[in-house]
Amino acid sequence: MEDPASERLPPDSAGAALPELELTDGDILDAMQHIPGYLDITTEDFRIIYHLAHRHAVGRLFGKVRAAGPMQAEVAPLPPEMSLDEAVKALVRSGCQALPVVDSESRLLGLLLRKDFFSADHLENLP
């Protein structure tokens, strides 16, 4: 169900980076009881302030971070003909969660993901 407060807020790509928690009126009323003094706002006003504060915080925390910052640049790609046994060993040695699989022209074919390889579904399909 769409939150009516979010309909009045301008769209913001930074806010989409981390999902907001869904606040119920009960959550808001409980929080407001912990604020000393009198707070003359509705639960809807509080919800709008929360959404705006969330967007601001996400922008402040992640707005200047670029993909190159946390990426691992020195990753050896895997050839598609490499045996699964050797590919998994390379993945474990790399310490990465995934390694790219590339063809002879260095075109990305896909990713060997740790979570996919070690999932129960994948293990059932092994010969």
N, C-alpha and C. Protein backbone atom coordinates (compact mmCIF):
# COMPACT_ATOMS: atom_id res chain seq x y z
N MET A 1 0.84 -1.18 0.00
CA MET A 1 0.00 0.00 0.00
C MET A 1 0.89 1.24 0.00
N GLU A 2 0.60 2.17 -0.90
CA GLU A 2 1.41 3.38 -1.04
C GLU A 2 1.11 4.33 0.11
N ASP A 3 2.15 4.91 0.64
CA ASP A 3 2.04 5.87 1.73
C ASP A 3 1.62 7.21 1.15
N PRO A 4 0.46 7.78 1.58
CA PRO A 4 0.02 9.06 1.03
C PRO A 4 1.01 10.18 1.24
N ALA A 5 1.81 10.11 2.28
CA ALA A 5 2.80 11.17 2.53
C ALA A 5 3.85 11.18 1.44
N SER A 6 4.22 10.01 0.94
CA SER A 6 5.28 9.95 -0.07
C SER A 6 4.82 10.52 -1.40
N GLU A 7 3.50 10.57 -1.63
CA GLU A 7 2.99 11.13 -2.87
C GLU A 7 3.26 12.62 -2.95
N ARG A 8 3.38 13.31 -1.82
CA ARG A 8 3.60 14.74 -1.81
C ARG A 8 5.08 15.10 -1.77
N LEU A 9 5.94 14.11 -1.64
CA LEU A 9 7.37 14.37 -1.58
C LEU A 9 7.98 14.29 -2.97
N PRO A 10 8.96 15.16 -3.25
CA PRO A 10 9.59 15.08 -4.56
C PRO A 10 10.39 13.79 -4.70
N PRO A 11 10.45 13.23 -5.93
CA PRO A 11 11.24 12.01 -6.11
C PRO A 11 12.71 12.28 -5.86
N ASP A 12 13.40 11.28 -5.36
CA ASP A 12 14.81 11.45 -5.02
C ASP A 12 15.52 10.12 -5.21
N SER A 13 16.49 10.08 -6.11
CA SER A 13 17.18 8.83 -6.38
C SER A 13 18.03 8.38 -5.20
N ALA A 14 18.58 9.32 -4.42
CA ALA A 14 19.41 8.93 -3.28
C ALA A 14 18.58 8.19 -2.23
N GLY A 15 17.33 8.58 -2.06
CA GLY A 15 16.47 7.95 -1.07
C GLY A 15 16.14 6.51 -1.42
N ALA A 16 16.26 6.15 -2.69
CA ALA A 16 15.96 4.79 -3.11
C ALA A 16 17.10 3.83 -2.77
N ALA A 17 18.27 4.37 -2.40
CA ALA A 17 19.42 3.52 -2.12
C ALA A 17 19.18 2.62 -0.91
N LEU A 18 18.51 3.12 0.08
CA LEU A 18 18.20 2.34 1.28
C LEU A 18 16.70 2.44 1.54
N PRO A 19 16.03 1.32 1.65
CA PRO A 19 14.59 1.39 1.87
C PRO A 19 14.26 1.98 3.24
N GLU A 20 13.18 2.71 3.26
CA GLU A 20 12.72 3.29 4.53
C GLU A 20 11.91 2.24 5.28
N LEU A 21 11.91 2.37 6.59
CA LEU A 21 11.04 1.52 7.40
C LEU A 21 9.62 2.03 7.29
N GLU A 22 8.68 1.13 7.31
CA GLU A 22 7.28 1.53 7.31
C GLU A 22 6.89 1.91 8.73
N LEU A 23 6.49 3.14 8.93
CA LEU A 23 6.09 3.61 10.25
C LEU A 23 4.58 3.57 10.37
N THR A 24 4.10 2.93 11.42
CA THR A 24 2.66 2.94 11.69
C THR A 24 2.34 4.15 12.54
N ASP A 25 1.08 4.50 12.62
CA ASP A 25 0.68 5.60 13.50
C ASP A 25 1.08 5.29 14.94
N GLY A 26 0.98 4.01 15.33
CA GLY A 26 1.37 3.60 16.68
C GLY A 26 2.86 3.85 16.93
N ASP A 27 3.71 3.55 15.93
CA ASP A 27 5.14 3.83 16.05
C ASP A 27 5.37 5.32 16.28
N ILE A 28 4.70 6.12 15.49
CA ILE A 28 4.89 7.57 15.56
C ILE A 28 4.39 8.11 16.89
N LEU A 29 3.22 7.69 17.31
CA LEU A 29 2.67 8.18 18.58
C LEU A 29 3.56 7.78 19.75
N ASP A 30 4.10 6.56 19.71
CA ASP A 30 5.01 6.13 20.77
C ASP A 30 6.27 7.00 20.79
N ALA A 31 6.83 7.26 19.62
CA ALA A 31 8.03 8.10 19.55
C ALA A 31 7.74 9.51 20.05
N MET A 32 6.60 10.04 19.70
CA MET A 32 6.25 11.41 20.11
C MET A 32 6.08 11.53 21.62
N GLN A 33 5.68 10.45 22.27
CA GLN A 33 5.54 10.47 23.73
C GLN A 33 6.88 10.60 24.43
N HIS A 34 7.97 10.25 23.76
CA HIS A 34 9.29 10.34 24.35
C HIS A 34 9.94 11.70 24.16
N ILE A 35 9.27 12.59 23.47
CA ILE A 35 9.80 13.94 23.27
C ILE A 35 9.25 14.81 24.40
N PRO A 36 10.15 15.43 25.17
CA PRO A 36 9.67 16.26 26.28
C PRO A 36 8.93 17.50 25.75
N GLY A 37 7.92 17.90 26.48
CA GLY A 37 7.16 19.08 26.08
C GLY A 37 6.04 18.71 25.14
N TYR A 38 5.47 19.72 24.54
CA TYR A 38 4.32 19.53 23.66
C TYR A 38 4.78 19.62 22.22
N LEU A 39 4.41 18.66 21.41
CA LEU A 39 4.77 18.63 20.00
C LEU A 39 3.46 18.69 19.20
N ASP A 40 3.23 19.82 18.56
CA ASP A 40 1.96 20.06 17.87
C ASP A 40 2.07 19.69 16.39
N ILE A 41 2.19 18.38 16.11
CA ILE A 41 2.17 17.90 14.73
C ILE A 41 1.34 16.63 14.67
N THR A 42 0.85 16.35 13.50
CA THR A 42 0.07 15.13 13.32
C THR A 42 1.01 13.97 12.99
N THR A 43 0.46 12.78 13.02
CA THR A 43 1.29 11.63 12.63
C THR A 43 1.70 11.76 11.17
N GLU A 44 0.84 12.36 10.35
CA GLU A 44 1.17 12.58 8.94
C GLU A 44 2.34 13.56 8.81
N ASP A 45 2.35 14.63 9.61
CA ASP A 45 3.47 15.58 9.60
C ASP A 45 4.77 14.87 10.01
N PHE A 46 4.69 14.05 11.03
CA PHE A 46 5.85 13.32 11.52
C PHE A 46 6.38 12.39 10.42
N ARG A 47 5.45 11.71 9.73
CA ARG A 47 5.83 10.79 8.66
C ARG A 47 6.55 11.53 7.54
N ILE A 48 6.08 12.71 7.16
CA ILE A 48 6.72 13.51 6.13
C ILE A 48 8.12 13.94 6.58
N ILE A 49 8.25 14.36 7.83
CA ILE A 49 9.57 14.74 8.35
C ILE A 49 10.51 13.53 8.31
N TYR A 50 10.00 12.37 8.67
CA TYR A 50 10.81 11.16 8.63
C TYR A 50 11.30 10.88 7.22
N HIS A 51 10.40 10.93 6.24
CA HIS A 51 10.78 10.67 4.85
C HIS A 51 11.84 11.67 4.38
N LEU A 52 11.64 12.93 4.68
CA LEU A 52 12.61 13.95 4.27
C LEU A 52 13.95 13.75 4.96
N ALA A 53 13.92 13.43 6.25
CA ALA A 53 15.16 13.20 6.99
C ALA A 53 15.90 11.97 6.44
N HIS A 54 15.16 10.93 6.11
CA HIS A 54 15.76 9.72 5.54
C HIS A 54 16.46 10.05 4.23
N ARG A 55 15.78 10.76 3.35
CA ARG A 55 16.37 11.13 2.06
C ARG A 55 17.62 11.97 2.25
N HIS A 56 17.55 12.89 3.19
CA HIS A 56 18.71 13.74 3.45
C HIS A 56 19.88 12.90 3.97
N ALA A 57 19.62 12.01 4.90
CA ALA A 57 20.68 11.18 5.48
C ALA A 57 21.31 10.26 4.43
N VAL A 58 20.50 9.65 3.59
CA VAL A 58 21.03 8.77 2.55
C VAL A 58 21.90 9.58 1.58
N GLY A 59 21.42 10.76 1.20
CA GLY A 59 22.21 11.61 0.31
C GLY A 59 23.52 12.03 0.94
N ARG A 60 23.47 12.36 2.22
CA ARG A 60 24.68 12.78 2.94
C ARG A 60 25.67 11.62 3.06
N LEU A 61 25.17 10.44 3.34
CA LEU A 61 26.04 9.28 3.56
C LEU A 61 26.58 8.68 2.26
N PHE A 62 25.76 8.68 1.20
CA PHE A 62 26.13 7.96 -0.02
C PHE A 62 26.20 8.83 -1.27
N GLY A 63 25.79 10.08 -1.16
CA GLY A 63 25.71 10.94 -2.33
C GLY A 63 27.02 11.16 -3.05
N LYS A 64 28.13 11.16 -2.34
CA LYS A 64 29.42 11.42 -2.98
C LYS A 64 30.23 10.15 -3.22
N VAL A 65 29.70 9.02 -2.81
CA VAL A 65 30.41 7.75 -3.02
C VAL A 65 30.18 7.32 -4.47
N ARG A 66 31.23 6.96 -5.15
CA ARG A 66 31.15 6.49 -6.53
C ARG A 66 31.51 5.01 -6.57
N ALA A 67 31.07 4.33 -7.60
CA ALA A 67 31.29 2.89 -7.71
C ALA A 67 32.77 2.53 -7.64
N ALA A 68 33.63 3.39 -8.12
CA ALA A 68 35.06 3.10 -8.12
C ALA A 68 35.64 3.07 -6.70
N GLY A 69 34.99 3.72 -5.77
CA GLY A 69 35.51 3.77 -4.40
C GLY A 69 35.61 2.41 -3.74
N PRO A 70 34.50 1.71 -3.56
CA PRO A 70 34.56 0.43 -2.86
C PRO A 70 34.86 -0.77 -3.75
N MET A 71 35.01 -0.55 -5.07
CA MET A 71 35.21 -1.70 -5.95
C MET A 71 36.60 -2.31 -5.77
N GLN A 72 36.72 -3.56 -6.13
CA GLN A 72 38.00 -4.25 -6.12
C GLN A 72 38.48 -4.31 -7.57
N ALA A 73 39.55 -3.56 -7.87
CA ALA A 73 40.00 -3.41 -9.26
C ALA A 73 40.79 -4.60 -9.77
N GLU A 74 41.55 -5.25 -8.93
CA GLU A 74 42.43 -6.35 -9.37
C GLU A 74 41.72 -7.68 -9.21
N VAL A 75 40.85 -8.00 -10.17
CA VAL A 75 40.13 -9.27 -10.14
C VAL A 75 40.45 -10.01 -11.43
N ALA A 76 40.89 -11.24 -11.30
CA ALA A 76 41.21 -12.06 -12.47
C ALA A 76 39.92 -12.71 -12.98
N PRO A 77 39.52 -12.40 -14.22
CA PRO A 77 38.31 -13.00 -14.76
C PRO A 77 38.52 -14.48 -15.06
N LEU A 78 37.42 -15.18 -15.13
CA LEU A 78 37.45 -16.62 -15.40
C LEU A 78 37.06 -16.88 -16.85
N PRO A 79 37.75 -17.81 -17.52
CA PRO A 79 37.32 -18.19 -18.86
C PRO A 79 36.15 -19.17 -18.76
N PRO A 80 35.23 -19.16 -19.71
CA PRO A 80 34.05 -20.03 -19.61
C PRO A 80 34.38 -21.51 -19.67
N GLU A 81 35.52 -21.87 -20.25
CA GLU A 81 35.87 -23.30 -20.34
C GLU A 81 36.55 -23.82 -19.07
N MET A 82 36.82 -22.96 -18.08
CA MET A 82 37.45 -23.41 -16.83
C MET A 82 36.50 -24.36 -16.11
N SER A 83 37.06 -25.43 -15.55
CA SER A 83 36.22 -26.38 -14.82
C SER A 83 35.61 -25.68 -13.61
N LEU A 84 34.45 -26.15 -13.23
CA LEU A 84 33.77 -25.56 -12.08
C LEU A 84 34.62 -25.70 -10.82
N ASP A 85 35.31 -26.81 -10.69
CA ASP A 85 36.19 -27.04 -9.54
C ASP A 85 37.26 -25.96 -9.46
N GLU A 86 37.94 -25.70 -10.58
CA GLU A 86 38.98 -24.68 -10.60
C GLU A 86 38.40 -23.28 -10.42
N ALA A 87 37.24 -23.04 -11.00
CA ALA A 87 36.60 -21.72 -10.88
C ALA A 87 36.23 -21.43 -9.43
N VAL A 88 35.71 -22.42 -8.74
CA VAL A 88 35.35 -22.22 -7.33
C VAL A 88 36.60 -21.99 -6.49
N LYS A 89 37.67 -22.72 -6.77
CA LYS A 89 38.92 -22.50 -6.05
C LYS A 89 39.43 -21.08 -6.28
N ALA A 90 39.34 -20.59 -7.52
CA ALA A 90 39.77 -19.22 -7.83
C ALA A 90 38.89 -18.22 -7.09
N LEU A 91 37.60 -18.50 -7.04
CA LEU A 91 36.67 -17.61 -6.33
C LEU A 91 37.01 -17.54 -4.84
N VAL A 92 37.26 -18.68 -4.23
CA VAL A 92 37.60 -18.72 -2.81
C VAL A 92 38.93 -18.01 -2.56
N ARG A 93 39.94 -18.27 -3.40
CA ARG A 93 41.25 -17.61 -3.25
C ARG A 93 41.15 -16.10 -3.40
N SER A 94 40.26 -15.65 -4.26
CA SER A 94 40.14 -14.21 -4.51
C SER A 94 39.59 -13.45 -3.31
N GLY A 95 38.82 -14.13 -2.48
CA GLY A 95 38.17 -13.45 -1.36
C GLY A 95 36.97 -12.63 -1.77
N CYS A 96 36.61 -12.69 -3.05
CA CYS A 96 35.47 -11.94 -3.58
C CYS A 96 34.18 -12.74 -3.42
N GLN A 97 33.07 -12.06 -3.53
CA GLN A 97 31.78 -12.72 -3.51
C GLN A 97 31.38 -13.19 -4.90
N ALA A 98 32.06 -12.64 -5.94
CA ALA A 98 31.76 -13.01 -7.32
C ALA A 98 32.99 -12.75 -8.18
N LEU A 99 33.09 -13.51 -9.27
CA LEU A 99 34.14 -13.27 -10.26
C LEU A 99 33.48 -13.23 -11.63
N PRO A 100 33.97 -12.35 -12.51
CA PRO A 100 33.40 -12.29 -13.86
C PRO A 100 33.88 -13.46 -14.71
N VAL A 101 33.00 -13.91 -15.58
CA VAL A 101 33.35 -14.92 -16.58
C VAL A 101 33.35 -14.18 -17.91
N VAL A 102 34.50 -14.19 -18.61
CA VAL A 102 34.63 -13.43 -19.85
C VAL A 102 35.11 -14.33 -20.99
N ASP A 103 34.74 -13.94 -22.22
CA ASP A 103 35.17 -14.71 -23.38
C ASP A 103 36.57 -14.27 -23.81
N SER A 104 37.05 -14.81 -24.93
CA SER A 104 38.42 -14.52 -25.38
C SER A 104 38.62 -13.07 -25.78
N GLU A 105 37.53 -12.33 -26.00
CA GLU A 105 37.62 -10.91 -26.34
C GLU A 105 37.30 -10.03 -25.13
N SER A 106 37.34 -10.62 -23.94
CA SER A 106 37.10 -9.93 -22.67
C SER A 106 35.68 -9.37 -22.54
N ARG A 107 34.74 -9.96 -23.26
CA ARG A 107 33.33 -9.57 -23.09
C ARG A 107 32.74 -10.35 -21.93
N LEU A 108 32.02 -9.63 -21.09
CA LEU A 108 31.41 -10.24 -19.92
C LEU A 108 30.31 -11.21 -20.34
N LEU A 109 30.43 -12.44 -19.89
CA LEU A 109 29.41 -13.46 -20.15
C LEU A 109 28.48 -13.63 -18.96
N GLY A 110 29.03 -13.39 -17.78
CA GLY A 110 28.25 -13.56 -16.56
C GLY A 110 29.14 -13.49 -15.35
N LEU A 111 28.56 -13.84 -14.22
CA LEU A 111 29.28 -13.82 -12.96
C LEU A 111 29.15 -15.17 -12.27
N LEU A 112 30.24 -15.64 -11.70
CA LEU A 112 30.21 -16.80 -10.82
C LEU A 112 30.05 -16.24 -9.42
N LEU A 113 28.89 -16.46 -8.83
CA LEU A 113 28.58 -15.90 -7.51
C LEU A 113 28.73 -16.96 -6.44
N ARG A 114 29.37 -16.57 -5.37
CA ARG A 114 29.55 -17.48 -4.24
C ARG A 114 28.20 -17.97 -3.72
N LYS A 115 27.27 -17.05 -3.57
CA LYS A 115 25.97 -17.43 -3.00
C LYS A 115 25.20 -18.37 -3.91
N ASP A 116 25.37 -18.23 -5.22
CA ASP A 116 24.68 -19.13 -6.14
C ASP A 116 25.33 -20.51 -6.14
N PHE A 117 26.64 -20.53 -6.11
CA PHE A 117 27.33 -21.82 -6.17
C PHE A 117 27.05 -22.65 -4.93
N PHE A 118 27.08 -22.01 -3.78
CA PHE A 118 26.91 -22.76 -2.54
C PHE A 118 25.46 -22.88 -2.09
N SER A 119 24.50 -22.50 -2.96
CA SER A 119 23.10 -22.64 -2.61
C SER A 119 22.68 -24.10 -2.75
N ALA A 120 21.68 -24.49 -2.03
CA ALA A 120 21.21 -25.87 -2.05
C ALA A 120 20.68 -26.24 -3.42
N ASP A 121 20.01 -25.32 -4.11
CA ASP A 121 19.45 -25.60 -5.44
C ASP A 121 20.55 -25.98 -6.41
N HIS A 122 21.66 -25.25 -6.38
CA HIS A 122 22.75 -25.52 -7.31
C HIS A 122 23.42 -26.85 -6.99
N LEU A 123 23.62 -27.12 -5.74
CA LEU A 123 24.29 -28.37 -5.35
C LEU A 123 23.48 -29.59 -5.77
N GLU A 124 22.15 -29.47 -5.80
CA GLU A 124 21.30 -30.60 -6.22
C GLU A 124 21.49 -30.90 -7.69
N ASN A 125 21.87 -29.92 -8.50
CA ASN A 125 22.01 -30.10 -9.94
C ASN A 125 23.40 -30.53 -10.37
N LEU A 126 24.33 -30.71 -9.43
CA LEU A 126 25.67 -31.13 -9.79
C LEU A 126 25.66 -32.60 -10.18
N PRO A 127 26.51 -32.97 -11.16
CA PRO A 127 26.55 -34.38 -11.58
C PRO A 127 27.13 -35.28 -10.51
